[in-house]
Amino acid sequence: MVKLNIFNMKRFLETVNECSGSINLLHPDGRKVNINRQYDIQNDLLQKYRKNNNWLKLSLDIPSMKDYLRIVYFTIGDC
């Protein structure tokens, strides 16, 4: 699990959609929802991001190490 603060949602979602496996959004009630290429869910996240003054805190579960590193490298580069 990784907790991220997203400041560039467009590029974050592009990075997510480049991943080969699931990128699971963790909800406070314990549910996991895959957001990879799930455009309805991504649009909801984008709306929350905009309502929150262009940042959003997300908790993700990323099973694939390659995808995990892709997301972490995006986050490091987005600082």
Protein backbone atom coordinates (compact mmCIF):
# COMPACT_ATOMS: atom_id res chain seq x y z
CA MET A 1 0.00 0.00 0.00
CA VAL A 2 1.13 3.52 -0.77
CA LYS A 3 -0.40 6.85 0.22
CA LEU A 4 0.06 9.67 -2.28
CA ASN A 5 -0.76 13.34 -2.56
CA ILE A 6 -1.65 13.99 -6.19
CA PHE A 7 -1.01 17.49 -7.53
CA ASN A 8 -1.12 16.70 -11.27
CA MET A 9 -4.19 14.52 -11.75
CA LYS A 10 -4.05 14.47 -15.55
CA ARG A 11 -0.51 13.10 -15.62
CA PHE A 12 -1.25 10.74 -12.71
CA LEU A 13 -4.16 9.18 -14.59
CA GLU A 14 -2.05 8.89 -17.75
CA THR A 15 0.56 7.04 -15.69
CA VAL A 16 -2.09 4.75 -14.17
CA ASN A 17 -3.44 3.92 -17.62
CA GLU A 18 0.07 2.99 -18.81
CA CYS A 19 0.24 0.25 -16.17
CA SER A 20 -0.30 -3.37 -17.17
CA GLY A 21 -2.03 -4.56 -14.00
CA SER A 22 -4.62 -3.33 -11.56
CA ILE A 23 -4.14 -0.10 -9.59
CA ASN A 24 -6.50 -0.46 -6.65
CA LEU A 25 -7.91 2.58 -4.89
CA LEU A 26 -8.39 1.78 -1.19
CA HIS A 27 -11.52 3.16 0.44
CA PRO A 28 -11.78 3.87 4.19
CA ASP A 29 -14.25 0.96 4.57
CA GLY A 30 -11.65 -1.48 3.17
CA ARG A 31 -13.03 -1.80 -0.36
CA LYS A 32 -10.58 -1.95 -3.26
CA VAL A 33 -11.55 -0.56 -6.66
CA ASN A 34 -9.35 -0.89 -9.72
CA ILE A 35 -8.89 2.53 -11.37
CA ASN A 36 -6.70 1.39 -14.29
CA ARG A 37 -8.55 2.35 -17.51
CA GLN A 38 -11.78 2.78 -15.50
CA TYR A 39 -12.74 6.14 -16.98
CA ASP A 40 -15.95 6.69 -14.97
CA ILE A 41 -14.05 6.24 -11.71
CA GLN A 42 -11.21 8.41 -13.00
CA ASN A 43 -13.69 11.18 -13.87
CA ASP A 44 -15.04 11.02 -10.31
CA LEU A 45 -11.50 11.32 -8.94
CA LEU A 46 -10.86 14.28 -11.25
CA GLN A 47 -13.97 16.05 -9.93
CA LYS A 48 -12.88 15.45 -6.31
CA TYR A 49 -9.40 16.73 -7.22
CA ARG A 50 -10.84 19.94 -8.65
CA LYS A 51 -13.17 20.47 -5.67
CA ASN A 52 -10.18 20.03 -3.35
CA ASN A 53 -8.23 22.92 -4.94
CA ASN A 54 -6.25 20.71 -7.33
CA TRP A 55 -4.82 18.11 -4.98
CA LEU A 56 -6.05 14.77 -3.75
CA LYS A 57 -4.79 12.26 -1.20
CA LEU A 58 -5.10 8.65 -2.35
CA SER A 59 -4.29 5.26 -0.85
CA LEU A 60 -3.41 2.66 -3.45
CA ASP A 61 -2.69 -1.06 -3.51
CA ILE A 62 -0.51 -1.95 -6.50
CA PRO A 63 0.14 -5.70 -6.84
CA SER A 64 2.70 -5.50 -9.67
CA MET A 65 6.17 -4.26 -8.66
CA LYS A 66 6.71 -2.79 -12.14
CA ASP A 67 3.47 -0.79 -11.89
CA TYR A 68 4.28 0.20 -8.30
CA LEU A 69 7.62 1.63 -9.40
CA ARG A 70 5.99 3.45 -12.32
CA ILE A 71 3.58 5.20 -9.91
CA VAL A 72 6.33 5.96 -7.36
CA TYR A 73 8.64 7.39 -10.04
CA PHE A 74 5.78 9.57 -11.28
CA THR A 75 5.23 10.84 -7.74
CA ILE A 76 8.91 11.61 -7.21
CA GLY A 77 9.10 13.46 -10.51
CA ASP A 78 5.92 15.42 -9.79
CA CYS A 79 7.27 17.05 -6.59
